[in-house]
């Protein structure tokens, strides 16, 4: 999270060193072990987890399998029912025929609305196109899935950004940071 306002939490980014490695057999349990190892290494046994897309799904996994470690969970563009992800096989075939750059250009309209500044769209497209292949499908989460997840999690809160698409954390970073800050202010006791 980048902000000009003071952050009252230590922020650690967990990006696995094998991220994107061809043929690496990853699993949610392995990703969770990585997150928990980082938390142990920095001396934080219980933490506020924030995850986007697959990172949010990992947060759900952590909350179910390691609830003692999760003080709060914030997800963005997150699926909890993997079987509902559509078009993954079609995407893989498209990439094999035409490459990641062509796939990235095709997917941009699903990720961002046309009013997103060109420099942001170009940057995101370039980063996505630089990937060697789809390692994990990028789900485009329908609203009913978010509503279903909200209904299943006691005391959860749901924030909807009308008109936003899957790259919400990128296209609406300031709004997402504000929503997170407000959520934590409501849920985390003030330090005296």
C-alpha atoms as a PDB file:
ATOM      1  CA  UNK A   1       0.000   0.000   0.000  1.00  0.00           C
ATOM      2  CA  UNK A   2       1.440   3.367  -0.937  1.00  0.00           C
ATOM      3  CA  UNK A   3       0.111   6.444   0.767  1.00  0.00           C
ATOM      4  CA  UNK A   4       1.336   9.893   1.749  1.00  0.00           C
ATOM      5  CA  UNK A   5      -0.498   9.589   5.038  1.00  0.00           C
ATOM      6  CA  UNK A   6       1.227   7.909   7.990  1.00  0.00           C
ATOM      7  CA  UNK A   7       0.838   4.146   8.102  1.00  0.00           C
ATOM      8  CA  UNK A   8       0.514   2.759  11.618  1.00  0.00           C
ATOM      9  CA  UNK A   9       1.223  -0.812  10.575  1.00  0.00           C
ATOM     10  CA  UNK A  10       4.373  -2.513   9.382  1.00  0.00           C
ATOM     11  CA  UNK A  11       3.844  -3.542   5.752  1.00  0.00           C
ATOM     12  CA  UNK A  12       5.490  -6.638   4.298  1.00  0.00           C
ATOM     13  CA  UNK A  13       5.105  -7.796   0.699  1.00  0.00           C
ATOM     14  CA  UNK A  14       5.307 -11.550   0.195  1.00  0.00           C
ATOM     15  CA  UNK A  15       6.199 -12.406  -3.390  1.00  0.00           C
ATOM     16  CA  UNK A  16       7.395 -16.001  -3.702  1.00  0.00           C
ATOM     17  CA  UNK A  17      10.895 -16.260  -5.221  1.00  0.00           C
ATOM     18  CA  UNK A  18       9.604 -18.919  -7.600  1.00  0.00           C
ATOM     19  CA  UNK A  19       6.792 -16.669  -8.886  1.00  0.00           C
ATOM     20  CA  UNK A  20       6.377 -17.483 -12.578  1.00  0.00           C
ATOM     21  CA  UNK A  21       8.996 -20.265 -12.621  1.00  0.00           C
ATOM     22  CA  UNK A  22       8.081 -22.672 -15.435  1.00  0.00           C
ATOM     23  CA  UNK A  23       6.895 -26.045 -14.227  1.00  0.00           C
ATOM     24  CA  UNK A  24       6.914 -25.182 -10.508  1.00  0.00           C
ATOM     25  CA  UNK A  25       4.238 -27.217  -8.690  1.00  0.00           C
ATOM     26  CA  UNK A  26       2.684 -24.616  -6.407  1.00  0.00           C
ATOM     27  CA  UNK A  27      -0.230 -25.091  -4.025  1.00  0.00           C
ATOM     28  CA  UNK A  28      -2.248 -22.939  -1.639  1.00  0.00           C
ATOM     29  CA  UNK A  29      -0.603 -24.788   1.263  1.00  0.00           C
ATOM     30  CA  UNK A  30       2.858 -23.939  -0.082  1.00  0.00           C
ATOM     31  CA  UNK A  31       1.914 -20.274  -0.572  1.00  0.00           C
ATOM     32  CA  UNK A  32       0.455 -20.199   2.958  1.00  0.00           C
ATOM     33  CA  UNK A  33       3.668 -21.693   4.343  1.00  0.00           C
ATOM     34  CA  UNK A  34       5.609 -18.869   2.630  1.00  0.00           C
ATOM     35  CA  UNK A  35       3.400 -16.187   4.194  1.00  0.00           C
ATOM     36  CA  UNK A  36       3.621 -17.773   7.644  1.00  0.00           C
ATOM     37  CA  UNK A  37       7.421 -18.116   7.341  1.00  0.00           C
ATOM     38  CA  UNK A  38       7.732 -14.401   6.539  1.00  0.00           C
ATOM     39  CA  UNK A  39       5.493 -13.535   9.503  1.00  0.00           C
ATOM     40  CA  UNK A  40       7.657 -15.680  11.810  1.00  0.00           C
ATOM     41  CA  UNK A  41      10.847 -14.150  10.385  1.00  0.00           C
ATOM     42  CA  UNK A  42       9.665 -10.616  11.202  1.00  0.00           C
ATOM     43  CA  UNK A  43       8.321 -11.677  14.605  1.00  0.00           C
ATOM     44  CA  UNK A  44       4.622 -11.218  13.899  1.00  0.00           C
ATOM     45  CA  UNK A  45       2.565 -14.234  14.985  1.00  0.00           C
ATOM     46  CA  UNK A  46      -0.799 -12.562  14.172  1.00  0.00           C
ATOM     47  CA  UNK A  47      -1.276 -10.120  11.312  1.00  0.00           C
ATOM     48  CA  UNK A  48      -3.710  -8.218   9.101  1.00  0.00           C
ATOM     49  CA  UNK A  49      -3.672  -9.867   5.691  1.00  0.00           C
ATOM     50  CA  UNK A  50      -4.490  -7.974   2.478  1.00  0.00           C
ATOM     51  CA  UNK A  51      -4.659  -9.857  -0.819  1.00  0.00           C
ATOM     52  CA  UNK A  52      -5.818  -9.195  -4.372  1.00  0.00           C
ATOM     53  CA  UNK A  53      -7.015 -11.845  -6.841  1.00  0.00           C
ATOM     54  CA  UNK A  54      -5.096 -15.058  -6.077  1.00  0.00           C
ATOM     55  CA  UNK A  55      -3.569 -13.271  -3.076  1.00  0.00           C
ATOM     56  CA  UNK A  56      -7.069 -12.777  -1.692  1.00  0.00           C
ATOM     57  CA  UNK A  57      -7.894 -16.435  -2.257  1.00  0.00           C
ATOM     58  CA  UNK A  58      -4.700 -17.266  -0.368  1.00  0.00           C
ATOM     59  CA  UNK A  59      -5.942 -15.037   2.465  1.00  0.00           C
ATOM     60  CA  UNK A  60      -9.159 -17.061   2.604  1.00  0.00           C
ATOM     61  CA  UNK A  61      -7.057 -20.244   2.765  1.00  0.00           C
ATOM     62  CA  UNK A  62      -4.990 -18.785   5.615  1.00  0.00           C
ATOM     63  CA  UNK A  63      -8.130 -17.735   7.514  1.00  0.00           C
ATOM     64  CA  UNK A  64      -9.592 -21.249   7.250  1.00  0.00           C
ATOM     65  CA  UNK A  65      -6.416 -23.265   7.889  1.00  0.00           C
ATOM     66  CA  UNK A  66      -4.446 -20.875  10.153  1.00  0.00           C
ATOM     67  CA  UNK A  67      -7.059 -18.682  11.882  1.00  0.00           C
ATOM     68  CA  UNK A  68      -4.729 -18.048  14.816  1.00  0.00           C
ATOM     69  CA  UNK A  69      -2.447 -16.068  12.470  1.00  0.00           C
ATOM     70  CA  UNK A  70      -5.083 -13.791  10.908  1.00  0.00           C
ATOM     71  CA  UNK A  71      -6.100 -10.683  12.862  1.00  0.00           C
ATOM     72  CA  UNK A  72      -8.173  -9.432   9.922  1.00  0.00           C
ATOM     73  CA  UNK A  73      -8.561 -10.292   6.260  1.00  0.00           C
ATOM     74  CA  UNK A  74      -9.077  -7.852   3.399  1.00  0.00           C
ATOM     75  CA  UNK A  75      -9.574  -9.211  -0.106  1.00  0.00           C
ATOM     76  CA  UNK A  76     -10.028  -7.572  -3.478  1.00  0.00           C
ATOM     77  CA  UNK A  77     -11.197  -9.219  -6.717  1.00  0.00           C
ATOM     78  CA  UNK A  78     -11.097 -12.580  -4.972  1.00  0.00           C
ATOM     79  CA  UNK A  79     -12.689 -15.909  -5.869  1.00  0.00           C
ATOM     80  CA  UNK A  80     -13.661 -18.482  -3.278  1.00  0.00           C
ATOM     81  CA  UNK A  81     -15.136 -20.970  -5.754  1.00  0.00           C
ATOM     82  CA  UNK A  82     -12.418 -21.852  -8.249  1.00  0.00           C
ATOM     83  CA  UNK A  83     -14.724 -24.013 -10.356  1.00  0.00           C
ATOM     84  CA  UNK A  84     -16.574 -20.907 -11.489  1.00  0.00           C
ATOM     85  CA  UNK A  85     -13.560 -19.435 -13.275  1.00  0.00           C
ATOM     86  CA  UNK A  86     -14.518 -19.366 -16.923  1.00  0.00           C
ATOM     87  CA  UNK A  87     -12.492 -19.497 -20.132  1.00  0.00           C
ATOM     88  CA  UNK A  88      -9.178 -20.686 -18.605  1.00  0.00           C
ATOM     89  CA  UNK A  89      -8.686 -23.493 -21.137  1.00  0.00           C
ATOM     90  CA  UNK A  90      -9.583 -21.108 -23.960  1.00  0.00           C
ATOM     91  CA  UNK A  91      -7.003 -18.596 -22.674  1.00  0.00           C
ATOM     92  CA  UNK A  92      -4.241 -21.201 -22.537  1.00  0.00           C
ATOM     93  CA  UNK A  93      -4.950 -22.284 -26.115  1.00  0.00           C
ATOM     94  CA  UNK A  94      -5.008 -18.623 -27.232  1.00  0.00           C
ATOM     95  CA  UNK A  95      -1.617 -17.993 -25.572  1.00  0.00           C
ATOM     96  CA  UNK A  96      -0.103 -21.075 -27.191  1.00  0.00           C
ATOM     97  CA  UNK A  97      -1.256 -19.863 -30.626  1.00  0.00           C
ATOM     98  CA  UNK A  98      -0.733 -16.096 -30.340  1.00  0.00           C
ATOM     99  CA  UNK A  99       1.444 -15.423 -27.262  1.00  0.00           C
ATOM    100  CA  UNK A 100       1.109 -13.539 -23.963  1.00  0.00           C
ATOM    101  CA  UNK A 101       1.278 -10.055 -25.500  1.00  0.00           C
ATOM    102  CA  UNK A 102      -1.775 -10.763 -27.709  1.00  0.00           C
ATOM    103  CA  UNK A 103      -3.624 -12.326 -24.763  1.00  0.00           C
ATOM    104  CA  UNK A 104      -2.807  -9.330 -22.563  1.00  0.00           C
ATOM    105  CA  UNK A 105      -4.162  -6.855 -25.134  1.00  0.00           C
ATOM    106  CA  UNK A 106      -7.342  -8.937 -25.503  1.00  0.00           C
ATOM    107  CA  UNK A 107      -7.873  -9.059 -21.719  1.00  0.00           C
ATOM    108  CA  UNK A 108      -7.362  -5.367 -20.978  1.00  0.00           C
ATOM    109  CA  UNK A 109     -10.999  -4.457 -21.562  1.00  0.00           C
ATOM    110  CA  UNK A 110     -11.999  -7.049 -18.954  1.00  0.00           C
ATOM    111  CA  UNK A 111      -9.472  -5.733 -16.463  1.00  0.00           C
ATOM    112  CA  UNK A 112      -9.951  -1.970 -16.860  1.00  0.00           C
ATOM    113  CA  UNK A 113     -12.605   0.437 -18.050  1.00  0.00           C
ATOM    114  CA  UNK A 114     -11.800   2.634 -21.087  1.00  0.00           C
ATOM    115  CA  UNK A 115     -11.519   5.762 -18.897  1.00  0.00           C
ATOM    116  CA  UNK A 116      -8.399   4.453 -17.091  1.00  0.00           C
ATOM    117  CA  UNK A 117      -5.424   6.659 -18.100  1.00  0.00           C
ATOM    118  CA  UNK A 118      -3.420   5.284 -21.029  1.00  0.00           C
ATOM    119  CA  UNK A 119      -0.139   5.305 -19.073  1.00  0.00           C
ATOM    120  CA  UNK A 120      -1.648   3.020 -16.419  1.00  0.00           C
ATOM    121  CA  UNK A 121      -3.227   0.727 -19.016  1.00  0.00           C
ATOM    122  CA  UNK A 122       0.065   0.567 -20.956  1.00  0.00           C
ATOM    123  CA  UNK A 123       2.091  -0.187 -17.823  1.00  0.00           C
ATOM    124  CA  UNK A 124      -0.303  -2.940 -16.705  1.00  0.00           C
ATOM    125  CA  UNK A 125      -0.448  -4.404 -20.212  1.00  0.00           C
ATOM    126  CA  UNK A 126       3.357  -4.459 -20.426  1.00  0.00           C
ATOM    127  CA  UNK A 127       3.755  -6.136 -17.035  1.00  0.00           C
ATOM    128  CA  UNK A 128       1.116  -8.737 -17.868  1.00  0.00           C
ATOM    129  CA  UNK A 129       2.523  -9.363 -21.350  1.00  0.00           C
ATOM    130  CA  UNK A 130       5.997  -9.958 -19.871  1.00  0.00           C
ATOM    131  CA  UNK A 131       4.733 -13.074 -18.075  1.00  0.00           C
ATOM    132  CA  UNK A 132       5.838 -16.284 -19.721  1.00  0.00           C
ATOM    133  CA  UNK A 133       2.482 -18.050 -19.347  1.00  0.00           C
ATOM    134  CA  UNK A 134      -0.612 -18.216 -17.203  1.00  0.00           C
ATOM    135  CA  UNK A 135       0.558 -19.884 -14.027  1.00  0.00           C
ATOM    136  CA  UNK A 136      -2.682 -19.274 -12.191  1.00  0.00           C
ATOM    137  CA  UNK A 137      -5.836 -18.240 -13.992  1.00  0.00           C
ATOM    138  CA  UNK A 138      -6.849 -14.628 -13.564  1.00  0.00           C
ATOM    139  CA  UNK A 139     -10.491 -14.878 -12.585  1.00  0.00           C
ATOM    140  CA  UNK A 140     -12.925 -12.114 -13.379  1.00  0.00           C
ATOM    141  CA  UNK A 141     -15.086 -12.213 -10.325  1.00  0.00           C
ATOM    142  CA  UNK A 142     -18.829 -11.699 -10.812  1.00  0.00           C
ATOM    143  CA  UNK A 143     -20.672  -9.613  -8.227  1.00  0.00           C
ATOM    144  CA  UNK A 144     -22.767 -12.597  -7.139  1.00  0.00           C
ATOM    145  CA  UNK A 145     -19.568 -14.363  -6.030  1.00  0.00           C
ATOM    146  CA  UNK A 146     -18.573 -11.393  -3.866  1.00  0.00           C
ATOM    147  CA  UNK A 147     -22.093 -11.277  -2.405  1.00  0.00           C
ATOM    148  CA  UNK A 148     -21.990 -15.021  -1.716  1.00  0.00           C
ATOM    149  CA  UNK A 149     -18.638 -14.738   0.065  1.00  0.00           C
ATOM    150  CA  UNK A 150     -19.924 -11.786   2.097  1.00  0.00           C
ATOM    151  CA  UNK A 151     -23.006 -13.801   3.133  1.00  0.00           C
ATOM    152  CA  UNK A 152     -20.818 -16.730   4.245  1.00  0.00           C
ATOM    153  CA  UNK A 153     -18.365 -14.781   6.413  1.00  0.00           C
ATOM    154  CA  UNK A 154     -19.756 -13.576   9.749  1.00  0.00           C
ATOM    155  CA  UNK A 155     -19.156  -9.884  10.560  1.00  0.00           C
ATOM    156  CA  UNK A 156     -17.724  -9.295   7.082  1.00  0.00           C
ATOM    157  CA  UNK A 157     -17.975  -5.994   5.272  1.00  0.00           C
ATOM    158  CA  UNK A 158     -18.368  -5.545   1.533  1.00  0.00           C
ATOM    159  CA  UNK A 159     -17.337  -2.496  -0.451  1.00  0.00           C
ATOM    160  CA  UNK A 160     -18.428  -2.305  -4.093  1.00  0.00           C
ATOM    161  CA  UNK A 161     -16.750   0.042  -6.557  1.00  0.00           C
ATOM    162  CA  UNK A 162     -19.350   0.548  -9.327  1.00  0.00           C
ATOM    163  CA  UNK A 163     -17.938   0.284 -12.827  1.00  0.00           C
ATOM    164  CA  UNK A 164     -14.557  -1.086 -11.685  1.00  0.00           C
ATOM    165  CA  UNK A 165     -13.130  -4.266 -13.143  1.00  0.00           C
ATOM    166  CA  UNK A 166     -10.704  -6.964 -12.014  1.00  0.00           C
ATOM    167  CA  UNK A 167      -7.664  -4.662 -11.799  1.00  0.00           C
ATOM    168  CA  UNK A 168      -9.441  -2.629  -9.106  1.00  0.00           C
ATOM    169  CA  UNK A 169      -6.412  -2.474  -6.800  1.00  0.00           C
ATOM    170  CA  UNK A 170      -4.450  -0.882  -9.649  1.00  0.00           C
ATOM    171  CA  UNK A 171      -7.094   1.409 -11.164  1.00  0.00           C
ATOM    172  CA  UNK A 172      -8.580   2.522  -7.828  1.00  0.00           C
ATOM    173  CA  UNK A 173      -5.510   2.254  -5.584  1.00  0.00           C
ATOM    174  CA  UNK A 174      -6.276   5.408  -3.595  1.00  0.00           C
ATOM    175  CA  UNK A 175      -9.882   4.389  -2.973  1.00  0.00           C
ATOM    176  CA  UNK A 176      -8.796   0.858  -1.998  1.00  0.00           C
ATOM    177  CA  UNK A 177      -6.189   2.236   0.424  1.00  0.00           C
ATOM    178  CA  UNK A 178      -8.803   4.539   1.968  1.00  0.00           C
ATOM    179  CA  UNK A 179     -11.300   1.678   2.321  1.00  0.00           C
ATOM    180  CA  UNK A 180      -8.630  -0.476   3.979  1.00  0.00           C
ATOM    181  CA  UNK A 181      -7.596   2.310   6.340  1.00  0.00           C
ATOM    182  CA  UNK A 182     -11.252   2.914   7.317  1.00  0.00           C
ATOM    183  CA  UNK A 183     -11.859  -0.827   7.794  1.00  0.00           C
ATOM    184  CA  UNK A 184      -8.823  -1.185  10.064  1.00  0.00           C
ATOM    185  CA  UNK A 185      -9.814   1.937  12.020  1.00  0.00           C
ATOM    186  CA  UNK A 186     -13.197   0.327  12.740  1.00  0.00           C
ATOM    187  CA  UNK A 187     -11.780  -3.101  13.559  1.00  0.00           C
ATOM    188  CA  UNK A 188      -8.430  -2.502  15.252  1.00  0.00           C
ATOM    189  CA  UNK A 189      -8.357  -1.018  18.758  1.00  0.00           C
ATOM    190  CA  UNK A 190      -6.455   2.266  18.960  1.00  0.00           C
ATOM    191  CA  UNK A 191      -3.028   2.063  20.577  1.00  0.00           C
ATOM    192  CA  UNK A 192      -2.647   4.162  23.680  1.00  0.00           C
END
